[in-house]
Amino acid sequence: MMVFAYWAARTGIFVAVLAALWLIGWFDVIAVFAAFILAWLISYLALPGMRRAAQDQMARAIDRSQRSIRAADDEEDAEIGRFEGGEHR
C-alpha cells in the first residue's frame, strides 16, 4: 500500500506544480517537462520517509516473488551435481 501512496503523492505534487505553472501563464511542452523535474525534486526532498517505506515494501514483494525461483535453481543445481558426480549414468 505504501508504493501506491507514494506514487499518488508524487503524482499529486506533479499535478500541483503543473497547475502552478499554468496559473502563471506558462503551459506548453517545456512546462510539462519542467513540472516533471520540479515535482521529482520536491517529492524527493519532501517525502524521504515515504520513499524508504515504499522501497522496503517493494523489496519484500520482489523477494517473495523470487523465493520459488531461487528454490527451483537450488534444486536444479543439486540435480546437476548428482549427475556430474556419477550417481546417475
PDB file of N, CA and C in Angstrom:
ATOM      1  N   MET A   1       0.820  -1.196   0.000  1.00  0.00           N
ATOM      2  CA  MET A   1       0.000   0.000   0.000  1.00  0.00           C
ATOM      3  C   MET A   1       0.864   1.260   0.000  1.00  0.00           C
ATOM      4  N   MET A   2       2.063   1.159   0.576  1.00  0.00           N
ATOM      5  CA  MET A   2       2.935   2.331   0.614  1.00  0.00           C
ATOM      6  C   MET A   2       3.412   2.721  -0.781  1.00  0.00           C
ATOM      7  N   VAL A   3       3.603   1.726  -1.643  1.00  0.00           N
ATOM      8  CA  VAL A   3       4.039   2.035  -3.004  1.00  0.00           C
ATOM      9  C   VAL A   3       2.968   2.862  -3.707  1.00  0.00           C
ATOM     10  N   PHE A   4       1.719   2.452  -3.564  1.00  0.00           N
ATOM     11  CA  PHE A   4       0.621   3.196  -4.182  1.00  0.00           C
ATOM     12  C   PHE A   4       0.496   4.588  -3.572  1.00  0.00           C
ATOM     13  N   ALA A   5       0.609   4.705  -2.254  1.00  0.00           N
ATOM     14  CA  ALA A   5       0.503   6.003  -1.584  1.00  0.00           C
ATOM     15  C   ALA A   5       1.631   6.931  -2.040  1.00  0.00           C
ATOM     16  N   TYR A   6       2.831   6.392  -2.153  1.00  0.00           N
ATOM     17  CA  TYR A   6       3.974   7.198  -2.608  1.00  0.00           C
ATOM     18  C   TYR A   6       3.767   7.655  -4.052  1.00  0.00           C
ATOM     19  N   TRP A   7       3.305   6.731  -4.897  1.00  0.00           N
ATOM     20  CA  TRP A   7       3.024   7.086  -6.289  1.00  0.00           C
ATOM     21  C   TRP A   7       1.951   8.171  -6.363  1.00  0.00           C
ATOM     22  N   ALA A   8       0.896   8.031  -5.569  1.00  0.00           N
ATOM     23  CA  ALA A   8      -0.186   9.017  -5.576  1.00  0.00           C
ATOM     24  C   ALA A   8       0.312  10.373  -5.092  1.00  0.00           C
ATOM     25  N   ALA A   9       1.147  10.380  -4.058  1.00  0.00           N
ATOM     26  CA  ALA A   9       1.680  11.646  -3.543  1.00  0.00           C
ATOM     27  C   ALA A   9       2.552  12.328  -4.595  1.00  0.00           C
ATOM     28  N   ARG A  10       3.393  11.559  -5.258  1.00  0.00           N
ATOM     29  CA  ARG A  10       4.257  12.152  -6.287  1.00  0.00           C
ATOM     30  C   ARG A  10       3.443  12.654  -7.476  1.00  0.00           C
ATOM     31  N   THR A  11       2.408  11.914  -7.840  1.00  0.00           N
ATOM     32  CA  THR A  11       1.548  12.364  -8.930  1.00  0.00           C
ATOM     33  C   THR A  11       0.811  13.640  -8.538  1.00  0.00           C
ATOM     34  N   GLY A  12       0.354  13.703  -7.292  1.00  0.00           N
ATOM     35  CA  GLY A  12      -0.309  14.909  -6.803  1.00  0.00           C
ATOM     36  C   GLY A  12       0.613  16.122  -6.830  1.00  0.00           C
ATOM     37  N   ILE A  13       1.855  15.919  -6.450  1.00  0.00           N
ATOM     38  CA  ILE A  13       2.825  17.017  -6.496  1.00  0.00           C
ATOM     39  C   ILE A  13       3.046  17.463  -7.935  1.00  0.00           C
ATOM     40  N   PHE A  14       3.146  16.503  -8.861  1.00  0.00           N
ATOM     41  CA  PHE A  14       3.315  16.844 -10.275  1.00  0.00           C
ATOM     42  C   PHE A  14       2.143  17.672 -10.786  1.00  0.00           C
ATOM     43  N   VAL A  15       0.931  17.235 -10.468  1.00  0.00           N
ATOM     44  CA  VAL A  15      -0.258  17.965 -10.927  1.00  0.00           C
ATOM     45  C   VAL A  15      -0.293  19.367 -10.312  1.00  0.00           C
ATOM     46  N   ALA A  16       0.087  19.497  -9.043  1.00  0.00           N
ATOM     47  CA  ALA A  16       0.101  20.810  -8.389  1.00  0.00           C
ATOM     48  C   ALA A  16       1.128  21.737  -9.040  1.00  0.00           C
ATOM     49  N   VAL A  17       2.300  21.216  -9.327  1.00  0.00           N
ATOM     50  CA  VAL A  17       3.331  22.041  -9.981  1.00  0.00           C
ATOM     51  C   VAL A  17       2.881  22.420 -11.383  1.00  0.00           C
ATOM     52  N   LEU A  18       2.291  21.491 -12.096  1.00  0.00           N
ATOM     53  CA  LEU A  18       1.797  21.782 -13.441  1.00  0.00           C
ATOM     54  C   LEU A  18       0.700  22.848 -13.396  1.00  0.00           C
ATOM     55  N   ALA A  19      -0.195  22.758 -12.418  1.00  0.00           N
ATOM     56  CA  ALA A  19      -1.256  23.767 -12.263  1.00  0.00           C
ATOM     57  C   ALA A  19      -0.657  25.122 -11.914  1.00  0.00           C
ATOM     58  N   ALA A  20       0.364  25.129 -11.064  1.00  0.00           N
ATOM     59  CA  ALA A  20       1.003  26.402 -10.711  1.00  0.00           C
ATOM     60  C   ALA A  20       1.651  27.042 -11.933  1.00  0.00           C
ATOM     61  N   LEU A  21       2.301  26.232 -12.756  1.00  0.00           N
ATOM     62  CA  LEU A  21       2.891  26.778 -13.978  1.00  0.00           C
ATOM     63  C   LEU A  21       1.815  27.285 -14.933  1.00  0.00           C
ATOM     64  N   TRP A  22       0.708  26.586 -14.997  1.00  0.00           N
ATOM     65  CA  TRP A  22      -0.391  27.016 -15.858  1.00  0.00           C
ATOM     66  C   TRP A  22      -0.976  28.343 -15.353  1.00  0.00           C
ATOM     67  N   LEU A  23      -1.092  28.499 -14.029  1.00  0.00           N
ATOM     68  CA  LEU A  23      -1.645  29.727 -13.454  1.00  0.00           C
ATOM     69  C   LEU A  23      -0.770  30.944 -13.727  1.00  0.00           C
ATOM     70  N   ILE A  24       0.525  30.743 -13.834  1.00  0.00           N
ATOM     71  CA  ILE A  24       1.380  31.892 -14.139  1.00  0.00           C
ATOM     72  C   ILE A  24       1.519  32.103 -15.649  1.00  0.00           C
ATOM     73  N   GLY A  25       0.787  31.308 -16.418  1.00  0.00           N
ATOM     74  CA  GLY A  25       0.729  31.508 -17.858  1.00  0.00           C
ATOM     75  C   GLY A  25       1.789  30.766 -18.644  1.00  0.00           C
ATOM     76  N   TRP A  26       2.387  29.760 -18.048  1.00  0.00           N
ATOM     77  CA  TRP A  26       3.421  29.006 -18.737  1.00  0.00           C
ATOM     78  C   TRP A  26       2.931  27.580 -18.932  1.00  0.00           C
ATOM     79  N   PHE A  27       2.309  27.339 -20.088  1.00  0.00           N
ATOM     80  CA  PHE A  27       1.793  25.998 -20.352  1.00  0.00           C
ATOM     81  C   PHE A  27       2.114  25.606 -21.782  1.00  0.00           C
ATOM     82  N   ASP A  28       3.123  24.805 -21.910  1.00  0.00           N
ATOM     83  CA  ASP A  28       3.489  24.200 -23.185  1.00  0.00           C
ATOM     84  C   ASP A  28       4.249  22.911 -22.861  1.00  0.00           C
ATOM     85  N   VAL A  29       4.858  22.321 -23.850  1.00  0.00           N
ATOM     86  CA  VAL A  29       5.555  21.052 -23.634  1.00  0.00           C
ATOM     87  C   VAL A  29       6.710  21.229 -22.654  1.00  0.00           C
ATOM     88  N   ILE A  30       7.406  22.333 -22.750  1.00  0.00           N
ATOM     89  CA  ILE A  30       8.526  22.586 -21.834  1.00  0.00           C
ATOM     90  C   ILE A  30       8.027  22.706 -20.397  1.00  0.00           C
ATOM     91  N   ALA A  31       6.842  23.277 -20.202  1.00  0.00           N
ATOM     92  CA  ALA A  31       6.280  23.392 -18.855  1.00  0.00           C
ATOM     93  C   ALA A  31       5.991  22.013 -18.267  1.00  0.00           C
ATOM     94  N   VAL A  32       5.551  21.074 -19.091  1.00  0.00           N
ATOM     95  CA  VAL A  32       5.291  19.717 -18.610  1.00  0.00           C
ATOM     96  C   VAL A  32       6.601  19.069 -18.167  1.00  0.00           C
ATOM     97  N   PHE A  33       7.653  19.225 -18.953  1.00  0.00           N
ATOM     98  CA  PHE A  33       8.955  18.687 -18.556  1.00  0.00           C
ATOM     99  C   PHE A  33       9.484  19.372 -17.296  1.00  0.00           C
ATOM    100  N   ALA A  34       9.322  20.691 -17.226  1.00  0.00           N
ATOM    101  CA  ALA A  34       9.771  21.423 -16.041  1.00  0.00           C
ATOM    102  C   ALA A  34       8.984  20.976 -14.809  1.00  0.00           C
ATOM    103  N   ALA A  35       7.672  20.775 -14.966  1.00  0.00           N
ATOM    104  CA  ALA A  35       6.846  20.306 -13.851  1.00  0.00           C
ATOM    105  C   ALA A  35       7.283  18.921 -13.408  1.00  0.00           C
ATOM    106  N   PHE A  36       7.619  18.074 -14.356  1.00  0.00           N
ATOM    107  CA  PHE A  36       8.086  16.731 -14.019  1.00  0.00           C
ATOM    108  C   PHE A  36       9.371  16.794 -13.193  1.00  0.00           C
ATOM    109  N   ILE A  37      10.316  17.590 -13.624  1.00  0.00           N
ATOM    110  CA  ILE A  37      11.596  17.700 -12.914  1.00  0.00           C
ATOM    111  C   ILE A  37      11.403  18.348 -11.550  1.00  0.00           C
ATOM    112  N   LEU A  38      10.630  19.429 -11.488  1.00  0.00           N
ATOM    113  CA  LEU A  38      10.381  20.089 -10.200  1.00  0.00           C
ATOM    114  C   LEU A  38       9.628  19.182  -9.235  1.00  0.00           C
ATOM    115  N   ALA A  39       8.641  18.460  -9.733  1.00  0.00           N
ATOM    116  CA  ALA A  39       7.873  17.548  -8.877  1.00  0.00           C
ATOM    117  C   ALA A  39       8.765  16.425  -8.365  1.00  0.00           C
ATOM    118  N   TRP A  40       9.653  15.916  -9.213  1.00  0.00           N
ATOM    119  CA  TRP A  40      10.578  14.878  -8.770  1.00  0.00           C
ATOM    120  C   TRP A  40      11.467  15.406  -7.651  1.00  0.00           C
ATOM    121  N   LEU A  41      12.000  16.609  -7.832  1.00  0.00           N
ATOM    122  CA  LEU A  41      12.874  17.198  -6.823  1.00  0.00           C
ATOM    123  C   LEU A  41      12.127  17.460  -5.517  1.00  0.00           C
ATOM    124  N   ILE A  42      10.945  18.032  -5.614  1.00  0.00           N
ATOM    125  CA  ILE A  42      10.153  18.327  -4.411  1.00  0.00           C
ATOM    126  C   ILE A  42       9.792  17.041  -3.677  1.00  0.00           C
ATOM    127  N   SER A  43       9.320  16.045  -4.424  1.00  0.00           N
ATOM    128  CA  SER A  43       8.924  14.788  -3.770  1.00  0.00           C
ATOM    129  C   SER A  43      10.126  14.071  -3.181  1.00  0.00           C
ATOM    130  N   TYR A  44      11.268  14.157  -3.828  1.00  0.00           N
ATOM    131  CA  TYR A  44      12.465  13.512  -3.309  1.00  0.00           C
ATOM    132  C   TYR A  44      12.885  14.153  -1.986  1.00  0.00           C
ATOM    133  N   LEU A  45      12.784  15.465  -1.900  1.00  0.00           N
ATOM    134  CA  LEU A  45      13.170  16.177  -0.683  1.00  0.00           C
ATOM    135  C   LEU A  45      12.101  16.133   0.401  1.00  0.00           C
ATOM    136  N   ALA A  46      10.836  16.148   0.001  1.00  0.00           N
ATOM    137  CA  ALA A  46       9.750  16.258   0.981  1.00  0.00           C
ATOM    138  C   ALA A  46       9.237  14.921   1.500  1.00  0.00           C
ATOM    139  N   LEU A  47       9.511  13.822   0.802  1.00  0.00           N
ATOM    140  CA  LEU A  47       8.927  12.536   1.176  1.00  0.00           C
ATOM    141  C   LEU A  47       9.969  11.431   1.409  1.00  0.00           C
ATOM    142  N   PRO A  48      11.037  11.701   2.158  1.00  0.00           N
ATOM    143  CA  PRO A  48      12.055  10.651   2.302  1.00  0.00           C
ATOM    144  C   PRO A  48      11.561   9.431   3.080  1.00  0.00           C
ATOM    145  N   GLY A  49      10.763   9.635   4.110  1.00  0.00           N
ATOM    146  CA  GLY A  49      10.256   8.507   4.885  1.00  0.00           C
ATOM    147  C   GLY A  49       9.303   7.646   4.075  1.00  0.00           C
ATOM    148  N   MET A  50       8.455   8.286   3.308  1.00  0.00           N
ATOM    149  CA  MET A  50       7.503   7.560   2.475  1.00  0.00           C
ATOM    150  C   MET A  50       8.244   6.793   1.377  1.00  0.00           C
ATOM    151  N   ARG A  51       9.301   7.403   0.838  1.00  0.00           N
ATOM    152  CA  ARG A  51      10.091   6.747  -0.202  1.00  0.00           C
ATOM    153  C   ARG A  51      10.765   5.490   0.355  1.00  0.00           C
ATOM    154  N   ARG A  52      11.347   5.596   1.550  1.00  0.00           N
ATOM    155  CA  ARG A  52      12.001   4.433   2.155  1.00  0.00           C
ATOM    156  C   ARG A  52      11.004   3.322   2.452  1.00  0.00           C
ATOM    157  N   ALA A  53       9.822   3.691   2.948  1.00  0.00           N
ATOM    158  CA  ALA A  53       8.798   2.682   3.235  1.00  0.00           C
ATOM    159  C   ALA A  53       8.348   1.992   1.949  1.00  0.00           C
ATOM    160  N   ALA A  54       8.192   2.745   0.872  1.00  0.00           N
ATOM    161  CA  ALA A  54       7.802   2.158  -0.414  1.00  0.00           C
ATOM    162  C   ALA A  54       8.909   1.248  -0.946  1.00  0.00           C
ATOM    163  N   GLN A  55      10.179   1.657  -0.787  1.00  0.00           N
ATOM    164  CA  GLN A  55      11.291   0.813  -1.225  1.00  0.00           C
ATOM    165  C   GLN A  55      11.314  -0.497  -0.446  1.00  0.00           C
ATOM    166  N   ASP A  56      11.102  -0.412   0.868  1.00  0.00           N
ATOM    167  CA  ASP A  56      11.092  -1.630   1.689  1.00  0.00           C
ATOM    168  C   ASP A  56       9.962  -2.562   1.280  1.00  0.00           C
ATOM    169  N   GLN A  57       8.771  -1.994   1.053  1.00  0.00           N
ATOM    170  CA  GLN A  57       7.630  -2.812   0.653  1.00  0.00           C
ATOM    171  C   GLN A  57       7.896  -3.470  -0.702  1.00  0.00           C
ATOM    172  N   MET A  58       8.472  -2.728  -1.626  1.00  0.00           N
ATOM    173  CA  MET A  58       8.754  -3.274  -2.947  1.00  0.00           C
ATOM    174  C   MET A  58       9.824  -4.362  -2.864  1.00  0.00           C
ATOM    175  N   ALA A  59      10.841  -4.152  -2.031  1.00  0.00           N
ATOM    176  CA  ALA A  59      11.897  -5.163  -1.868  1.00  0.00           C
ATOM    177  C   ALA A  59      11.327  -6.452  -1.285  1.00  0.00           C
ATOM    178  N   ARG A  60      10.426  -6.331  -0.318  1.00  0.00           N
ATOM    179  CA  ARG A  60       9.800  -7.532   0.258  1.00  0.00           C
ATOM    180  C   ARG A  60       8.960  -8.257  -0.782  1.00  0.00           C
ATOM    181  N   ALA A  61       8.232  -7.515  -1.592  1.00  0.00           N
ATOM    182  CA  ALA A  61       7.388  -8.134  -2.624  1.00  0.00           C
ATOM    183  C   ALA A  61       8.246  -8.857  -3.662  1.00  0.00           C
ATOM    184  N   ILE A  62       9.339  -8.243  -4.066  1.00  0.00           N
ATOM    185  CA  ILE A  62      10.225  -8.871  -5.044  1.00  0.00           C
ATOM    186  C   ILE A  62      10.871 -10.112  -4.442  1.00  0.00           C
ATOM    187  N   ASP A  63      11.289 -10.021  -3.174  1.00  0.00           N
ATOM    188  CA  ASP A  63      11.901 -11.169  -2.510  1.00  0.00           C
ATOM    189  C   ASP A  63      10.925 -12.335  -2.433  1.00  0.00           C
ATOM    190  N   ARG A  64       9.672 -12.051  -2.076  1.00  0.00           N
ATOM    191  CA  ARG A  64       8.649 -13.110  -2.009  1.00  0.00           C
ATOM    192  C   ARG A  64       8.439 -13.737  -3.377  1.00  0.00           C
ATOM    193  N   SER A  65       8.413 -12.917  -4.412  1.00  0.00           N
ATOM    194  CA  SER A  65       8.135 -13.455  -5.748  1.00  0.00           C
ATOM    195  C   SER A  65       9.297 -14.266  -6.287  1.00  0.00           C
ATOM    196  N   GLN A  66      10.505 -14.031  -5.797  1.00  0.00           N
ATOM    197  CA  GLN A  66      11.665 -14.742  -6.326  1.00  0.00           C
ATOM    198  C   GLN A  66      12.104 -15.916  -5.459  1.00  0.00           C
ATOM    199  N   ARG A  67      11.464 -16.121  -4.320  1.00  0.00           N
ATOM    200  CA  ARG A  67      11.848 -17.261  -3.463  1.00  0.00           C
ATOM    201  C   ARG A  67      11.690 -18.588  -4.183  1.00  0.00           C
ATOM    202  N   SER A  68      10.567 -18.764  -4.869  1.00  0.00           N
ATOM    203  CA  SER A  68      10.352 -20.041  -5.560  1.00  0.00           C
ATOM    204  C   SER A  68      11.350 -20.215  -6.696  1.00  0.00           C
ATOM    205  N   ILE A  69      11.741 -19.130  -7.337  1.00  0.00           N
ATOM    206  CA  ILE A  69      12.736 -19.220  -8.408  1.00  0.00           C
ATOM    207  C   ILE A  69      14.079 -19.654  -7.833  1.00  0.00           C
ATOM    208  N   ARG A  70      14.466 -19.052  -6.697  1.00  0.00           N
ATOM    209  CA  ARG A  70      15.732 -19.437  -6.068  1.00  0.00           C
ATOM    210  C   ARG A  70      15.696 -20.889  -5.593  1.00  0.00           C
ATOM    211  N   ALA A  71      14.545 -21.306  -5.054  1.00  0.00           N
ATOM    212  CA  ALA A  71      14.421 -22.696  -4.599  1.00  0.00           C
ATOM    213  C   ALA A  71      14.538 -23.653  -5.782  1.00  0.00           C
ATOM    214  N   ALA A  72      13.902 -23.316  -6.891  1.00  0.00           N
ATOM    215  CA  ALA A  72      13.996 -24.166  -8.082  1.00  0.00           C
ATOM    216  C   ALA A  72      15.423 -24.193  -8.616  1.00  0.00           C
ATOM    217  N   ASP A  73      16.114 -23.055  -8.575  1.00  0.00           N
ATOM    218  CA  ASP A  73      17.511 -23.017  -9.007  1.00  0.00           C
ATOM    219  C   ASP A  73      18.386 -23.897  -8.120  1.00  0.00           C
ATOM    220  N   ASP A  74      18.159 -23.830  -6.808  1.00  0.00           N
ATOM    221  CA  ASP A  74      18.928 -24.666  -5.887  1.00  0.00           C
ATOM    222  C   ASP A  74      18.679 -26.155  -6.155  1.00  0.00           C
ATOM    223  N   GLU A  75      17.409 -26.487  -6.403  1.00  0.00           N
ATOM    224  CA  GLU A  75      17.072 -27.884  -6.694  1.00  0.00           C
ATOM    225  C   GLU A  75      17.736 -28.343  -7.989  1.00  0.00           C
ATOM    226  N   GLU A  76      17.699 -27.484  -8.996  1.00  0.00           N
ATOM    227  CA  GLU A  76      18.321 -27.829 -10.274  1.00  0.00           C
ATOM    228  C   GLU A  76      19.829 -27.976 -10.123  1.00  0.00           C
ATOM    229  N   ASP A  77      20.463 -27.085  -9.354  1.00  0.00           N
ATOM    230  CA  ASP A  77      21.905 -27.199  -9.118  1.00  0.00           C
ATOM    231  C   ASP A  77      22.244 -28.498  -8.404  1.00  0.00           C
ATOM    232  N   ALA A  78      21.403 -28.898  -7.453  1.00  0.00           N
ATOM    233  CA  ALA A  78      21.635 -30.152  -6.733  1.00  0.00           C
ATOM    234  C   ALA A  78      21.520 -31.347  -7.681  1.00  0.00           C
ATOM    235  N   GLU A  79      20.532 -31.300  -8.582  1.00  0.00           N
ATOM    236  CA  GLU A  79      20.378 -32.389  -9.547  1.00  0.00           C
ATOM    237  C   GLU A  79      21.564 -32.446 -10.502  1.00  0.00           C
ATOM    238  N   ILE A  80      22.041 -31.302 -10.942  1.00  0.00           N
ATOM    239  CA  ILE A  80      23.199 -31.275 -11.843  1.00  0.00           C
ATOM    240  C   ILE A  80      24.415 -31.844 -11.129  1.00  0.00           C
ATOM    241  N   GLY A  81      24.573 -31.486  -9.856  1.00  0.00           N
ATOM    242  CA  GLY A  81      25.688 -32.002  -9.072  1.00  0.00           C
ATOM    243  C   GLY A  81      25.637 -33.515  -8.935  1.00  0.00           C
ATOM    244  N   ARG A  82      24.422 -34.057  -8.779  1.00  0.00           N
ATOM    245  CA  ARG A  82      24.288 -35.517  -8.674  1.00  0.00           C
ATOM    246  C   ARG A  82      24.661 -36.183  -9.991  1.00  0.00           C
ATOM    247  N   PHE A  83      24.249 -35.609 -11.120  1.00  0.00           N
ATOM    248  CA  PHE A  83      24.541 -36.196 -12.414  1.00  0.00           C
ATOM    249  C   PHE A  83      26.035 -36.100 -12.723  1.00  0.00           C
ATOM    250  N   GLU A  84      26.660 -35.007 -12.358  1.00  0.00           N
ATOM    251  CA  GLU A  84      28.081 -34.859 -12.624  1.00  0.00           C
ATOM    252  C   GLU A  84      28.917 -35.731 -11.689  1.00  0.00           C
ATOM    253  N   GLY A  85      28.382 -36.031 -10.515  1.00  0.00           N
ATOM    254  CA  GLY A  85      29.110 -36.867  -9.558  1.00  0.00           C
ATOM    255  C   GLY A  85      29.101 -38.339  -9.922  1.00  0.00           C
ATOM    256  N   GLY A  86      28.338 -38.730 -10.909  1.00  0.00           N
ATOM    257  CA  GLY A  86      28.337 -40.106 -11.342  1.00  0.00           C
ATOM    258  C   GLY A  86      27.274 -40.971 -10.680  1.00  0.00           C
ATOM    259  N   GLU A  87      26.355 -40.387  -9.959  1.00  0.00           N
ATOM    260  CA  GLU A  87      25.332 -41.201  -9.307  1.00  0.00           C
ATOM    261  C   GLU A  87      24.365 -41.779 -10.321  1.00  0.00           C
ATOM    262  N   HIS A  88      24.037 -41.021 -11.356  1.00  0.00           N
ATOM    263  CA  HIS A  88      23.090 -41.470 -12.371  1.00  0.00           C
ATOM    264  C   HIS A  88      23.801 -41.555 -13.712  1.00  0.00           C
ATOM    265  N   ARG A  89      23.892 -42.742 -14.245  1.00  0.00           N
ATOM    266  CA  ARG A  89      24.516 -42.894 -15.571  1.00  0.00           C
ATOM    267  C   ARG A  89      23.624 -43.696 -16.451  1.00  0.00           C
TER     268      ARG A  89
END
